[in-house]
Amino acid sequence: MAPTTALRYVHLLNTSYQLVRVEPYAVNRTKGAEVDLVIETPGRLIPVEVKGRPRLHVSDARHLKTFMRDYRDEAPAGVVIYASRETYWLTDGVLAVPWDRVA
């Protein structure tokens, strides 16, 4: 996804309290894959993982990728919120966002 798309996802997360219902519990909608929460908007799901460490690994996106595969029409991208400063694409379709960008 292009950088502009990344900024749109950050903006959506920043304004999610106005736009969506957030389910603040672990969600297991897929076979064996659990994500921390899902932001639901009309016709779109954004799976989110929250990590308390400053470094991420591609494996941190595995449950998001499973969710995105199982809900490909509604969940084109996922987000990992983590304890650092850089916003970047952790893997194709999974955006890593610092805590302070969504707080």
Protein backbone atom coordinates (compact mmCIF):
# COMPACT_ATOMS: atom_id res chain seq x y z
CA MET A 1 0.00 0.00 0.00
CA ALA A 2 1.12 3.52 -0.68
CA PRO A 3 2.23 5.92 2.09
CA THR A 4 -1.01 7.87 1.62
CA THR A 5 -2.96 4.72 2.45
CA ALA A 6 -0.88 4.28 5.61
CA LEU A 7 -1.75 7.82 6.68
CA ARG A 8 -5.44 7.09 6.10
CA TYR A 9 -5.24 4.06 8.43
CA VAL A 10 -3.48 6.12 11.11
CA HIS A 11 -6.17 8.79 10.74
CA LEU A 12 -8.90 6.14 11.01
CA LEU A 13 -7.31 4.81 14.19
CA ASN A 14 -6.99 8.32 15.62
CA THR A 15 -10.68 9.01 14.99
CA SER A 16 -12.05 5.52 15.58
CA TYR A 17 -13.86 6.56 18.75
CA GLN A 18 -16.05 8.76 16.54
CA LEU A 19 -16.55 6.33 13.68
CA VAL A 20 -16.71 2.77 14.90
CA ARG A 21 -17.59 0.33 17.60
CA VAL A 22 -14.48 -1.20 19.15
CA GLU A 23 -14.63 -4.62 20.76
CA PRO A 24 -11.92 -4.46 23.49
CA TYR A 25 -11.32 -8.16 23.96
CA ALA A 26 -9.50 -10.94 22.21
CA VAL A 27 -11.37 -11.98 19.09
CA ASN A 28 -11.14 -15.47 17.71
CA ARG A 29 -13.12 -15.42 14.47
CA THR A 30 -10.81 -17.73 12.57
CA LYS A 31 -9.46 -21.22 13.01
CA GLY A 32 -6.74 -20.85 15.62
CA ALA A 33 -6.00 -17.17 14.94
CA GLU A 34 -6.75 -14.69 17.69
CA VAL A 35 -6.41 -10.93 17.33
CA ASP A 36 -6.52 -8.43 20.19
CA LEU A 37 -9.39 -6.37 18.82
CA VAL A 38 -11.31 -5.63 15.66
CA ILE A 39 -12.39 -2.15 14.64
CA GLU A 40 -15.69 -2.48 12.80
CA THR A 41 -17.00 0.04 10.33
CA PRO A 42 -19.78 -0.49 7.80
CA GLY A 43 -18.36 -3.03 5.35
CA ARG A 44 -14.83 -3.01 6.79
CA LEU A 45 -12.98 -4.79 9.58
CA ILE A 46 -9.55 -3.70 10.85
CA PRO A 47 -7.87 -6.39 12.94
CA VAL A 48 -5.46 -5.00 15.54
CA GLU A 49 -2.65 -6.55 17.58
CA VAL A 50 -1.07 -4.67 20.49
CA LYS A 51 2.57 -5.33 21.42
CA GLY A 52 4.35 -3.82 24.41
CA ARG A 53 7.84 -4.05 22.99
CA PRO A 54 9.79 -1.61 20.78
CA ARG A 55 10.82 -4.11 18.09
CA LEU A 56 8.54 -6.12 15.90
CA HIS A 57 9.09 -9.25 13.86
CA VAL A 58 7.23 -10.37 10.77
CA SER A 59 5.85 -13.24 12.89
CA ASP A 60 3.96 -10.62 14.96
CA ALA A 61 1.64 -10.24 11.96
CA ARG A 62 0.79 -13.93 11.50
CA HIS A 63 -2.62 -13.84 13.25
CA LEU A 64 -3.51 -10.62 11.45
CA LYS A 65 -2.60 -12.21 8.12
CA THR A 66 -4.79 -15.23 8.92
CA PHE A 67 -7.69 -12.94 9.85
CA MET A 68 -7.16 -10.90 6.68
CA ARG A 69 -7.12 -14.06 4.57
CA ASP A 70 -10.31 -15.39 6.17
CA TYR A 71 -12.07 -12.01 5.84
CA ARG A 72 -10.38 -10.79 2.66
CA ASP A 73 -13.40 -8.83 1.41
CA GLU A 74 -13.89 -6.91 4.68
CA ALA A 75 -10.32 -6.80 6.06
CA PRO A 76 -7.82 -5.66 3.42
CA ALA A 77 -5.30 -4.50 6.05
CA GLY A 78 -4.38 -4.93 9.70
CA VAL A 79 -2.54 -2.89 12.32
CA VAL A 80 0.06 -3.66 14.99
CA ILE A 81 0.29 -1.01 17.71
CA TYR A 82 3.68 -1.12 19.40
CA ALA A 83 6.04 0.72 21.78
CA SER A 84 8.29 2.70 19.44
CA ARG A 85 8.25 5.81 17.22
CA GLU A 86 8.21 4.67 13.59
CA THR A 87 5.15 4.00 11.42
CA TYR A 88 5.95 1.48 8.69
CA TRP A 89 4.60 -1.53 6.80
CA LEU A 90 5.64 -4.56 8.86
CA THR A 91 4.55 -6.83 6.03
CA ASP A 92 2.24 -6.56 3.04
CA GLY A 93 -1.05 -5.21 4.37
CA VAL A 94 0.04 -4.89 8.02
CA LEU A 95 0.87 -1.42 9.29
CA ALA A 96 3.03 -0.96 12.42
CA VAL A 97 1.90 2.14 14.35
CA PRO A 98 3.45 3.59 17.53
CA TRP A 99 1.32 3.80 20.66
CA ASP A 100 1.50 7.59 20.71
CA ARG A 101 -0.02 7.88 17.21
CA VAL A 102 -3.29 6.31 18.38
CA ALA A 103 -3.44 7.48 22.00
